[in-house]
């Protein structure tokens, strides 16, 4: 239980490294086991 921020700083790092624009930062807030944001 509790609040957890879950972060993937660069999703699709392989794309990022090769200059492919399909990459993103992913940010989630999980509360008591459920992602709410």
ModelCIF file with pLDDT and N, C-alpha, C, O atoms, coordinates in Angstrom:
data_MODEL
#
_entry.id   MODEL 
#
_entity.id                         1 
_entity.type                       polymer 
_entity.pdbx_number_of_molecules   1 
#
_entity_poly.entity_id                      1 
_entity_poly.type                           'polypeptide(L)' 
_entity_poly.nstd_linkage                   no 
_entity_poly.nstd_monomer                   no 
_entity_poly.pdbx_seq_one_letter_code       
;(UNK)(UNK)(UNK)(UNK)(UNK)(UNK)(UNK)(UNK)(UNK)(UNK)(UNK)(UNK)(UNK)(UNK)(UNK)(UNK)
(UNK)(UNK)(UNK)(UNK)(UNK)(UNK)(UNK)(UNK)(UNK)(UNK)(UNK)(UNK)(UNK)(UNK)(UNK)(UNK)
(UNK)(UNK)(UNK)(UNK)(UNK)
;
_entity_poly.pdbx_seq_one_letter_code_can   XXXXXXXXXXXXXXXXXXXXXXXXXXXXXXXXXXXXX 
_entity_poly.pdbx_strand_id                 A 
#
loop_
_entity_poly_seq.entity_id 
_entity_poly_seq.num 
_entity_poly_seq.mon_id 
_entity_poly_seq.hetero 
1 1  UNK n 
1 2  UNK n 
1 3  UNK n 
1 4  UNK n 
1 5  UNK n 
1 6  UNK n 
1 7  UNK n 
1 8  UNK n 
1 9  UNK n 
1 10 UNK n 
1 11 UNK n 
1 12 UNK n 
1 13 UNK n 
1 14 UNK n 
1 15 UNK n 
1 16 UNK n 
1 17 UNK n 
1 18 UNK n 
1 19 UNK n 
1 20 UNK n 
1 21 UNK n 
1 22 UNK n 
1 23 UNK n 
1 24 UNK n 
1 25 UNK n 
1 26 UNK n 
1 27 UNK n 
1 28 UNK n 
1 29 UNK n 
1 30 UNK n 
1 31 UNK n 
1 32 UNK n 
1 33 UNK n 
1 34 UNK n 
1 35 UNK n 
1 36 UNK n 
1 37 UNK n 
#
_struct_asym.id          A 
_struct_asym.entity_id   1 
#
loop_
_ma_qa_metric.id 
_ma_qa_metric.mode 
_ma_qa_metric.name 
_ma_qa_metric.software_group_id 
_ma_qa_metric.type 
1 global pLDDT . pLDDT 
2 local  pLDDT . pLDDT 
#
_ma_qa_metric_global.metric_id      1 
_ma_qa_metric_global.metric_value   96.30 
_ma_qa_metric_global.model_id       1 
_ma_qa_metric_global.ordinal_id     1 
#
loop_
_ma_qa_metric_local.label_asym_id 
_ma_qa_metric_local.label_comp_id 
_ma_qa_metric_local.label_seq_id 
_ma_qa_metric_local.metric_id 
_ma_qa_metric_local.metric_value 
_ma_qa_metric_local.model_id 
_ma_qa_metric_local.ordinal_id 
A UNK 1  2 95.00 1 1  
A UNK 2  2 97.00 1 2  
A UNK 3  2 98.00 1 3  
A UNK 4  2 98.00 1 4  
A UNK 5  2 98.00 1 5  
A UNK 6  2 98.00 1 6  
A UNK 7  2 98.00 1 7  
A UNK 8  2 97.00 1 8  
A UNK 9  2 97.00 1 9  
A UNK 10 2 97.00 1 10 
A UNK 11 2 96.00 1 11 
A UNK 12 2 94.00 1 12 
A UNK 13 2 93.00 1 13 
A UNK 14 2 91.00 1 14 
A UNK 15 2 94.00 1 15 
A UNK 16 2 94.00 1 16 
A UNK 17 2 92.00 1 17 
A UNK 18 2 93.00 1 18 
A UNK 19 2 94.00 1 19 
A UNK 20 2 95.00 1 20 
A UNK 21 2 97.00 1 21 
A UNK 22 2 97.00 1 22 
A UNK 23 2 97.00 1 23 
A UNK 24 2 98.00 1 24 
A UNK 25 2 98.00 1 25 
A UNK 26 2 98.00 1 26 
A UNK 27 2 98.00 1 27 
A UNK 28 2 98.00 1 28 
A UNK 29 2 98.00 1 29 
A UNK 30 2 98.00 1 30 
A UNK 31 2 98.00 1 31 
A UNK 32 2 97.00 1 32 
A UNK 33 2 95.00 1 33 
A UNK 34 2 95.00 1 34 
A UNK 35 2 96.00 1 35 
A UNK 36 2 98.00 1 36 
A UNK 37 2 98.00 1 37 
#
loop_
_atom_site.group_PDB 
_atom_site.id 
_atom_site.type_symbol 
_atom_site.label_atom_id 
_atom_site.label_alt_id 
_atom_site.label_comp_id 
_atom_site.label_asym_id 
_atom_site.label_entity_id 
_atom_site.label_seq_id 
_atom_site.pdbx_PDB_ins_code 
_atom_site.Cartn_x 
_atom_site.Cartn_y 
_atom_site.Cartn_z 
_atom_site.occupancy 
_atom_site.B_iso_or_equiv 
_atom_site.pdbx_formal_charge 
_atom_site.auth_seq_id 
_atom_site.auth_comp_id 
_atom_site.auth_asym_id 
_atom_site.auth_atom_id 
_atom_site.pdbx_PDB_model_num 
ATOM 1   N N  . UNK A 1 1  ? 0.826  -1.202 0.000   1.00 95.00 ? 1  UNK A N  1 
ATOM 2   C CA . UNK A 1 1  ? 0.000  0.000  0.000   1.00 95.00 ? 1  UNK A CA 1 
ATOM 3   C C  . UNK A 1 1  ? 0.867  1.262  0.000   1.00 95.00 ? 1  UNK A C  1 
ATOM 4   O O  . UNK A 1 1  ? 2.094  1.202  0.080   1.00 95.00 ? 1  UNK A O  1 
ATOM 5   N N  . UNK A 1 2  ? 0.190  2.393  -0.092  1.00 97.00 ? 2  UNK A N  1 
ATOM 6   C CA . UNK A 1 2  ? 0.884  3.673  -0.068  1.00 97.00 ? 2  UNK A CA 1 
ATOM 7   C C  . UNK A 1 2  ? 1.017  4.278  -1.448  1.00 97.00 ? 2  UNK A C  1 
ATOM 8   O O  . UNK A 1 2  ? 0.523  3.737  -2.437  1.00 97.00 ? 2  UNK A O  1 
ATOM 9   N N  . UNK A 1 3  ? 1.694  5.413  -1.493  1.00 98.00 ? 3  UNK A N  1 
ATOM 10  C CA . UNK A 1 3  ? 1.867  6.180  -2.722  1.00 98.00 ? 3  UNK A CA 1 
ATOM 11  C C  . UNK A 1 3  ? 3.270  5.968  -3.280  1.00 98.00 ? 3  UNK A C  1 
ATOM 12  O O  . UNK A 1 3  ? 4.268  6.100  -2.572  1.00 98.00 ? 3  UNK A O  1 
ATOM 13  N N  . UNK A 1 4  ? 3.318  5.635  -4.572  1.00 98.00 ? 4  UNK A N  1 
ATOM 14  C CA . UNK A 1 4  ? 4.589  5.403  -5.248  1.00 98.00 ? 4  UNK A CA 1 
ATOM 15  C C  . UNK A 1 4  ? 4.573  6.106  -6.602  1.00 98.00 ? 4  UNK A C  1 
ATOM 16  O O  . UNK A 1 4  ? 3.668  5.887  -7.407  1.00 98.00 ? 4  UNK A O  1 
ATOM 17  N N  . UNK A 1 5  ? 5.562  6.940  -6.850  1.00 98.00 ? 5  UNK A N  1 
ATOM 18  C CA . UNK A 1 5  ? 5.763  7.511  -8.173  1.00 98.00 ? 5  UNK A CA 1 
ATOM 19  C C  . UNK A 1 5  ? 6.624  6.549  -8.975  1.00 98.00 ? 5  UNK A C  1 
ATOM 20  O O  . UNK A 1 5  ? 7.671  6.101  -8.509  1.00 98.00 ? 5  UNK A O  1 
ATOM 21  N N  . UNK A 1 6  ? 6.176  6.234  -10.185 1.00 98.00 ? 6  UNK A N  1 
ATOM 22  C CA . UNK A 1 6  ? 6.880  5.273  -11.035 1.00 98.00 ? 6  UNK A CA 1 
ATOM 23  C C  . UNK A 1 6  ? 7.336  6.014  -12.288 1.00 98.00 ? 6  UNK A C  1 
ATOM 24  O O  . UNK A 1 6  ? 6.521  6.578  -13.018 1.00 98.00 ? 6  UNK A O  1 
ATOM 25  N N  . UNK A 1 7  ? 8.643  6.009  -12.529 1.00 98.00 ? 7  UNK A N  1 
ATOM 26  C CA . UNK A 1 7  ? 9.230  6.852  -13.574 1.00 98.00 ? 7  UNK A CA 1 
ATOM 27  C C  . UNK A 1 7  ? 10.083 6.016  -14.524 1.00 98.00 ? 7  UNK A C  1 
ATOM 28  O O  . UNK A 1 7  ? 10.976 5.280  -14.104 1.00 98.00 ? 7  UNK A O  1 
ATOM 29  N N  . UNK A 1 8  ? 9.785  6.151  -15.810 1.00 97.00 ? 8  UNK A N  1 
ATOM 30  C CA . UNK A 1 8  ? 10.686 5.666  -16.855 1.00 97.00 ? 8  UNK A CA 1 
ATOM 31  C C  . UNK A 1 8  ? 11.231 6.915  -17.534 1.00 97.00 ? 8  UNK A C  1 
ATOM 32  O O  . UNK A 1 8  ? 10.519 7.547  -18.314 1.00 97.00 ? 8  UNK A O  1 
ATOM 33  N N  . UNK A 1 9  ? 12.472 7.282  -17.255 1.00 97.00 ? 9  UNK A N  1 
ATOM 34  C CA . UNK A 1 9  ? 12.976 8.580  -17.730 1.00 97.00 ? 9  UNK A CA 1 
ATOM 35  C C  . UNK A 1 9  ? 12.987 8.715  -19.250 1.00 97.00 ? 9  UNK A C  1 
ATOM 36  O O  . UNK A 1 9  ? 12.616 9.756  -19.791 1.00 97.00 ? 9  UNK A O  1 
ATOM 37  N N  . UNK A 1 10 ? 13.414 7.663  -19.927 1.00 97.00 ? 10 UNK A N  1 
ATOM 38  C CA . UNK A 1 10 ? 13.342 7.614  -21.391 1.00 97.00 ? 10 UNK A CA 1 
ATOM 39  C C  . UNK A 1 10 ? 12.819 6.241  -21.773 1.00 97.00 ? 10 UNK A C  1 
ATOM 40  O O  . UNK A 1 10 ? 13.558 5.257  -21.723 1.00 97.00 ? 10 UNK A O  1 
ATOM 41  N N  . UNK A 1 11 ? 11.564 6.168  -22.150 1.00 96.00 ? 11 UNK A N  1 
ATOM 42  C CA . UNK A 1 11 ? 11.038 4.923  -22.709 1.00 96.00 ? 11 UNK A CA 1 
ATOM 43  C C  . UNK A 1 11 ? 11.400 4.914  -24.187 1.00 96.00 ? 11 UNK A C  1 
ATOM 44  O O  . UNK A 1 11 ? 11.220 5.912  -24.883 1.00 96.00 ? 11 UNK A O  1 
ATOM 45  N N  . UNK A 1 12 ? 11.914 3.772  -24.665 1.00 94.00 ? 12 UNK A N  1 
ATOM 46  C CA . UNK A 1 12 ? 12.451 3.646  -26.028 1.00 94.00 ? 12 UNK A CA 1 
ATOM 47  C C  . UNK A 1 12 ? 13.821 4.305  -26.126 1.00 94.00 ? 12 UNK A C  1 
ATOM 48  O O  . UNK A 1 12 ? 14.073 5.114  -27.020 1.00 94.00 ? 12 UNK A O  1 
ATOM 49  N N  . UNK A 1 13 ? 14.702 3.948  -25.196 1.00 93.00 ? 13 UNK A N  1 
ATOM 50  C CA . UNK A 1 13 ? 16.060 4.485  -25.207 1.00 93.00 ? 13 UNK A CA 1 
ATOM 51  C C  . UNK A 1 13 ? 16.789 4.149  -26.506 1.00 93.00 ? 13 UNK A C  1 
ATOM 52  O O  . UNK A 1 13 ? 17.573 4.958  -27.003 1.00 93.00 ? 13 UNK A O  1 
ATOM 53  N N  . UNK A 1 14 ? 16.536 2.962  -27.060 1.00 91.00 ? 14 UNK A N  1 
ATOM 54  C CA . UNK A 1 14 ? 17.190 2.582  -28.313 1.00 91.00 ? 14 UNK A CA 1 
ATOM 55  C C  . UNK A 1 14 ? 16.799 3.536  -29.438 1.00 91.00 ? 14 UNK A C  1 
ATOM 56  O O  . UNK A 1 14 ? 17.635 3.879  -30.275 1.00 91.00 ? 14 UNK A O  1 
ATOM 57  N N  . UNK A 1 15 ? 15.545 3.964  -29.466 1.00 94.00 ? 15 UNK A N  1 
ATOM 58  C CA . UNK A 1 15 ? 15.126 4.963  -30.449 1.00 94.00 ? 15 UNK A CA 1 
ATOM 59  C C  . UNK A 1 15 ? 15.847 6.287  -30.206 1.00 94.00 ? 15 UNK A C  1 
ATOM 60  O O  . UNK A 1 15 ? 16.385 6.900  -31.128 1.00 94.00 ? 15 UNK A O  1 
ATOM 61  N N  . UNK A 1 16 ? 15.843 6.709  -28.946 1.00 94.00 ? 16 UNK A N  1 
ATOM 62  C CA . UNK A 1 16 ? 16.503 7.967  -28.571 1.00 94.00 ? 16 UNK A CA 1 
ATOM 63  C C  . UNK A 1 16 ? 17.957 7.967  -29.044 1.00 94.00 ? 16 UNK A C  1 
ATOM 64  O O  . UNK A 1 16 ? 18.432 8.948  -29.616 1.00 94.00 ? 16 UNK A O  1 
ATOM 65  N N  . UNK A 1 17 ? 18.653 6.867  -28.801 1.00 92.00 ? 17 UNK A N  1 
ATOM 66  C CA . UNK A 1 17 ? 20.067 6.790  -29.132 1.00 92.00 ? 17 UNK A CA 1 
ATOM 67  C C  . UNK A 1 17 ? 20.312 6.836  -30.642 1.00 92.00 ? 17 UNK A C  1 
ATOM 68  O O  . UNK A 1 17 ? 21.366 7.292  -31.083 1.00 92.00 ? 17 UNK A O  1 
ATOM 69  N N  . UNK A 1 18 ? 19.337 6.364  -31.439 1.00 93.00 ? 18 UNK A N  1 
ATOM 70  C CA . UNK A 1 18 ? 19.495 6.341  -32.889 1.00 93.00 ? 18 UNK A CA 1 
ATOM 71  C C  . UNK A 1 18 ? 18.869 7.546  -33.580 1.00 93.00 ? 18 UNK A C  1 
ATOM 72  O O  . UNK A 1 18 ? 18.818 7.594  -34.809 1.00 93.00 ? 18 UNK A O  1 
ATOM 73  N N  . UNK A 1 19 ? 18.394 8.516  -32.809 1.00 94.00 ? 19 UNK A N  1 
ATOM 74  C CA . UNK A 1 19 ? 17.819 9.709  -33.408 1.00 94.00 ? 19 UNK A CA 1 
ATOM 75  C C  . UNK A 1 19 ? 16.402 9.528  -33.915 1.00 94.00 ? 19 UNK A C  1 
ATOM 76  O O  . UNK A 1 19 ? 15.938 10.320 -34.735 1.00 94.00 ? 19 UNK A O  1 
ATOM 77  N N  . UNK A 1 20 ? 15.700 8.500  -33.446 1.00 95.00 ? 20 UNK A N  1 
ATOM 78  C CA . UNK A 1 20 ? 14.306 8.259  -33.822 1.00 95.00 ? 20 UNK A CA 1 
ATOM 79  C C  . UNK A 1 20 ? 13.423 8.978  -32.806 1.00 95.00 ? 20 UNK A C  1 
ATOM 80  O O  . UNK A 1 20 ? 13.589 8.759  -31.606 1.00 95.00 ? 20 UNK A O  1 
ATOM 81  N N  . UNK A 1 21 ? 12.490 9.830  -33.240 1.00 97.00 ? 21 UNK A N  1 
ATOM 82  C CA . UNK A 1 21 ? 11.750 10.677 -32.302 1.00 97.00 ? 21 UNK A CA 1 
ATOM 83  C C  . UNK A 1 21 ? 10.692 9.978  -31.462 1.00 97.00 ? 21 UNK A C  1 
ATOM 84  O O  . UNK A 1 21 ? 10.027 10.627 -30.655 1.00 97.00 ? 21 UNK A O  1 
ATOM 85  N N  . UNK A 1 22 ? 10.521 8.676  -31.631 1.00 97.00 ? 22 UNK A N  1 
ATOM 86  C CA . UNK A 1 22 ? 9.513  7.951  -30.849 1.00 97.00 ? 22 UNK A CA 1 
ATOM 87  C C  . UNK A 1 22 ? 10.125 7.521  -29.514 1.00 97.00 ? 22 UNK A C  1 
ATOM 88  O O  . UNK A 1 22 ? 10.566 6.382  -29.364 1.00 97.00 ? 22 UNK A O  1 
ATOM 89  N N  . UNK A 1 23 ? 10.146 8.437  -28.554 1.00 97.00 ? 23 UNK A N  1 
ATOM 90  C CA . UNK A 1 23 ? 10.594 8.169  -27.193 1.00 97.00 ? 23 UNK A CA 1 
ATOM 91  C C  . UNK A 1 23 ? 9.830  9.100  -26.266 1.00 97.00 ? 23 UNK A C  1 
ATOM 92  O O  . UNK A 1 23 ? 9.310  10.129 -26.696 1.00 97.00 ? 23 UNK A O  1 
ATOM 93  N N  . UNK A 1 24 ? 9.766  8.736  -25.002 1.00 98.00 ? 24 UNK A N  1 
ATOM 94  C CA . UNK A 1 24 ? 8.953  9.530  -24.068 1.00 98.00 ? 24 UNK A CA 1 
ATOM 95  C C  . UNK A 1 24 ? 9.419  9.330  -22.644 1.00 98.00 ? 24 UNK A C  1 
ATOM 96  O O  . UNK A 1 24 ? 10.058 8.333  -22.308 1.00 98.00 ? 24 UNK A O  1 
ATOM 97  N N  . UNK A 1 25 ? 9.081  10.306 -21.815 1.00 98.00 ? 25 UNK A N  1 
ATOM 98  C CA . UNK A 1 25 ? 9.203  10.153 -20.364 1.00 98.00 ? 25 UNK A CA 1 
ATOM 99  C C  . UNK A 1 25 ? 7.848  9.711  -19.824 1.00 98.00 ? 25 UNK A C  1 
ATOM 100 O O  . UNK A 1 25 ? 6.825  10.331 -20.116 1.00 98.00 ? 25 UNK A O  1 
ATOM 101 N N  . UNK A 1 26 ? 7.844  8.648  -19.045 1.00 98.00 ? 26 UNK A N  1 
ATOM 102 C CA . UNK A 1 26 ? 6.612  8.088  -18.485 1.00 98.00 ? 26 UNK A CA 1 
ATOM 103 C C  . UNK A 1 26 ? 6.580  8.346  -16.983 1.00 98.00 ? 26 UNK A C  1 
ATOM 104 O O  . UNK A 1 26 ? 7.524  8.009  -16.268 1.00 98.00 ? 26 UNK A O  1 
ATOM 105 N N  . UNK A 1 27 ? 5.493  8.945  -16.510 1.00 98.00 ? 27 UNK A N  1 
ATOM 106 C CA . UNK A 1 27 ? 5.341  9.267  -15.094 1.00 98.00 ? 27 UNK A CA 1 
ATOM 107 C C  . UNK A 1 27 ? 3.997  8.730  -14.616 1.00 98.00 ? 27 UNK A C  1 
ATOM 108 O O  . UNK A 1 27 ? 2.961  9.021  -15.214 1.00 98.00 ? 27 UNK A O  1 
ATOM 109 N N  . UNK A 1 28 ? 4.015  7.962  -13.560 1.00 98.00 ? 28 UNK A N  1 
ATOM 110 C CA . UNK A 1 28 ? 2.777  7.415  -12.997 1.00 98.00 ? 28 UNK A CA 1 
ATOM 111 C C  . UNK A 1 28 ? 2.770  7.603  -11.492 1.00 98.00 ? 28 UNK A C  1 
ATOM 112 O O  . UNK A 1 28 ? 3.821  7.648  -10.854 1.00 98.00 ? 28 UNK A O  1 
ATOM 113 N N  . UNK A 1 29 ? 1.568  7.713  -10.931 1.00 98.00 ? 29 UNK A N  1 
ATOM 114 C CA . UNK A 1 29 ? 1.386  7.673  -9.485  1.00 98.00 ? 29 UNK A CA 1 
ATOM 115 C C  . UNK A 1 29 ? 0.532  6.466  -9.169  1.00 98.00 ? 29 UNK A C  1 
ATOM 116 O O  . UNK A 1 29 ? -0.587 6.332  -9.665  1.00 98.00 ? 29 UNK A O  1 
ATOM 117 N N  . UNK A 1 30 ? 1.065  5.596  -8.345  1.00 98.00 ? 30 UNK A N  1 
ATOM 118 C CA . UNK A 1 30 ? 0.352  4.404  -7.893  1.00 98.00 ? 30 UNK A CA 1 
ATOM 119 C C  . UNK A 1 30 ? -0.060 4.603  -6.441  1.00 98.00 ? 30 UNK A C  1 
ATOM 120 O O  . UNK A 1 30 ? 0.763  4.981  -5.607  1.00 98.00 ? 30 UNK A O  1 
ATOM 121 N N  . UNK A 1 31 ? -1.328 4.353  -6.137  1.00 98.00 ? 31 UNK A N  1 
ATOM 122 C CA . UNK A 1 31 ? -1.832 4.473  -4.774  1.00 98.00 ? 31 UNK A CA 1 
ATOM 123 C C  . UNK A 1 31 ? -2.439 3.144  -4.357  1.00 98.00 ? 31 UNK A C  1 
ATOM 124 O O  . UNK A 1 31 ? -3.383 2.661  -4.981  1.00 98.00 ? 31 UNK A O  1 
ATOM 125 N N  . UNK A 1 32 ? -1.897 2.558  -3.305  1.00 97.00 ? 32 UNK A N  1 
ATOM 126 C CA . UNK A 1 32 ? -2.363 1.267  -2.795  1.00 97.00 ? 32 UNK A CA 1 
ATOM 127 C C  . UNK A 1 32 ? -2.429 0.224  -3.897  1.00 97.00 ? 32 UNK A C  1 
ATOM 128 O O  . UNK A 1 32 ? -3.394 -0.534 -3.996  1.00 97.00 ? 32 UNK A O  1 
ATOM 129 N N  . UNK A 1 33 ? -1.395 0.194  -4.720  1.00 95.00 ? 33 UNK A N  1 
ATOM 130 C CA . UNK A 1 33 ? -1.267 -0.827 -5.748  1.00 95.00 ? 33 UNK A CA 1 
ATOM 131 C C  . UNK A 1 33 ? -1.939 -0.525 -7.066  1.00 95.00 ? 33 UNK A C  1 
ATOM 132 O O  . UNK A 1 33 ? -1.796 -1.297 -8.014  1.00 95.00 ? 33 UNK A O  1 
ATOM 133 N N  . UNK A 1 34 ? -2.681 0.592  -7.159  1.00 95.00 ? 34 UNK A N  1 
ATOM 134 C CA . UNK A 1 34 ? -3.399 0.923  -8.389  1.00 95.00 ? 34 UNK A CA 1 
ATOM 135 C C  . UNK A 1 34 ? -2.846 2.209  -9.014  1.00 95.00 ? 34 UNK A C  1 
ATOM 136 O O  . UNK A 1 34 ? -2.689 3.206  -8.309  1.00 95.00 ? 34 UNK A O  1 
ATOM 137 N N  . UNK A 1 35 ? -2.547 2.211  -10.319 1.00 96.00 ? 35 UNK A N  1 
ATOM 138 C CA . UNK A 1 35 ? -2.113 3.441  -10.979 1.00 96.00 ? 35 UNK A CA 1 
ATOM 139 C C  . UNK A 1 35 ? -3.289 4.399  -11.129 1.00 96.00 ? 35 UNK A C  1 
ATOM 140 O O  . UNK A 1 35 ? -4.291 4.057  -11.756 1.00 96.00 ? 35 UNK A O  1 
ATOM 141 N N  . UNK A 1 36 ? -3.174 5.584  -10.564 1.00 98.00 ? 36 UNK A N  1 
ATOM 142 C CA . UNK A 1 36 ? -4.283 6.546  -10.582 1.00 98.00 ? 36 UNK A CA 1 
ATOM 143 C C  . UNK A 1 36 ? -3.972 7.762  -11.449 1.00 98.00 ? 36 UNK A C  1 
ATOM 144 O O  . UNK A 1 36 ? -4.860 8.568  -11.729 1.00 98.00 ? 36 UNK A O  1 
ATOM 145 N N  . UNK A 1 37 ? -2.736 7.897  -11.867 1.00 98.00 ? 37 UNK A N  1 
ATOM 146 C CA . UNK A 1 37 ? -2.324 9.019  -12.695 1.00 98.00 ? 37 UNK A CA 1 
ATOM 147 C C  . UNK A 1 37 ? -1.292 8.522  -13.697 1.00 98.00 ? 37 UNK A C  1 
ATOM 148 O O  . UNK A 1 37 ? -0.795 9.302  -14.509 1.00 98.00 ? 37 UNK A O  1 
#
